Amino acid sequence: MTLLTLMFSTGTDEIVEKKAFFGSMIFETVKKDNGALGITTGVENPVPLIVLFLVITAVLAMIKATYRGLKQRREQLLNEAGS
């Protein structure tokens, strides 16, 4: 999504090099010898992307553990109330 935003935020004849997400993604346009415009997109520094993946994984694991704990506690309370 970020690369698409960078791509559509440039003009038609601009020669630019734009970076996003802490320098991890790059969008670059270069004028070629025949007058055409060359476009390069990709990942320049994967560290921020890896950190984001790890943080999201940790947060989702904590949410799942909390949900399971609350569900078990609810079942325990319902069993105690029923007996």
Protein backbone atom coordinates (compact mmCIF):
# COMPACT_ATOMS: atom_id res chain seq x y z
CA MET A 1 0.00 0.00 0.00
CA THR A 2 2.84 2.36 0.87
CA LEU A 3 4.60 1.76 -2.43
CA LEU A 4 1.38 2.50 -4.33
CA THR A 5 1.00 5.76 -2.40
CA LEU A 6 4.57 6.74 -3.25
CA MET A 7 4.06 5.82 -6.89
CA PHE A 8 0.93 7.91 -7.34
CA SER A 9 2.29 10.89 -5.40
CA THR A 10 4.90 11.68 -8.07
CA GLY A 11 4.41 13.68 -11.21
CA THR A 12 4.63 12.23 -14.70
CA ASP A 13 8.08 13.59 -15.59
CA GLU A 14 9.66 13.83 -12.15
CA ILE A 15 12.97 12.13 -11.39
CA VAL A 16 12.58 11.17 -7.74
CA GLU A 17 13.77 8.80 -5.08
CA LYS A 18 11.26 8.40 -2.28
CA LYS A 19 11.58 6.24 0.79
CA ALA A 20 8.88 5.16 3.23
CA PHE A 21 8.48 3.29 6.50
CA PHE A 22 11.77 4.30 8.09
CA GLY A 23 13.70 3.86 4.85
CA SER A 24 12.71 0.25 4.33
CA MET A 25 10.76 0.73 1.08
CA ILE A 26 11.97 2.68 -1.93
CA PHE A 27 10.36 4.10 -5.06
CA GLU A 28 12.70 5.57 -7.64
CA THR A 29 12.27 6.94 -11.13
CA VAL A 30 15.24 7.29 -13.48
CA LYS A 31 15.47 8.84 -16.93
CA LYS A 32 16.83 6.27 -19.41
CA ASP A 33 19.01 6.93 -22.45
CA ASN A 34 16.14 6.62 -24.93
CA GLY A 35 14.07 9.23 -23.04
CA ALA A 36 11.84 6.73 -21.28
CA LEU A 37 11.26 6.75 -17.54
CA GLY A 38 12.45 3.70 -15.59
CA ILE A 39 10.77 2.79 -12.32
CA THR A 40 12.29 0.82 -9.45
CA THR A 41 10.36 -0.26 -6.36
CA GLY A 42 11.30 -2.60 -3.60
CA VAL A 43 12.71 -3.19 -0.17
CA GLU A 44 15.95 -1.42 0.64
CA ASN A 45 16.26 -2.16 4.35
CA PRO A 46 14.23 -5.12 5.66
CA VAL A 47 14.94 -4.50 9.37
CA PRO A 48 11.89 -2.23 10.03
CA LEU A 49 9.63 -4.70 8.25
CA ILE A 50 10.97 -7.60 10.33
CA VAL A 51 10.55 -5.60 13.54
CA LEU A 52 6.96 -4.73 12.57
CA PHE A 53 6.22 -8.40 11.86
CA LEU A 54 7.65 -9.46 15.23
CA VAL A 55 5.74 -6.76 17.13
CA ILE A 56 2.45 -7.65 15.44
CA THR A 57 3.06 -11.34 16.11
CA ALA A 58 3.78 -10.66 19.80
CA VAL A 59 0.69 -8.47 20.20
CA LEU A 60 -1.55 -11.06 18.53
CA ALA A 61 -0.08 -13.83 20.72
CA MET A 62 -0.78 -11.77 23.86
CA ILE A 63 -4.35 -11.10 22.72
CA LYS A 64 -4.90 -14.79 22.05
CA ALA A 65 -3.45 -15.80 25.45
CA THR A 66 -5.60 -13.19 27.23
CA TYR A 67 -8.71 -14.39 25.39
CA ARG A 68 -8.03 -18.01 26.32
CA GLY A 69 -7.44 -17.07 29.95
CA LEU A 70 -10.65 -15.06 30.14
CA LYS A 71 -12.60 -17.84 28.45
CA GLN A 72 -11.28 -20.41 30.94
CA ARG A 73 -12.08 -18.09 33.85
CA ARG A 74 -15.63 -17.62 32.53
CA GLU A 75 -16.13 -21.37 32.25
CA GLN A 76 -14.78 -21.82 35.78
CA LEU A 77 -17.17 -19.19 37.18
CA LEU A 78 -20.11 -20.71 35.31
CA ASN A 79 -19.26 -24.17 36.68
CA GLU A 80 -18.98 -22.80 40.23
CA ALA A 81 -22.31 -20.97 39.90
CA GLY A 82 -24.06 -24.04 38.52
CA SER A 83 -22.96 -26.42 41.27
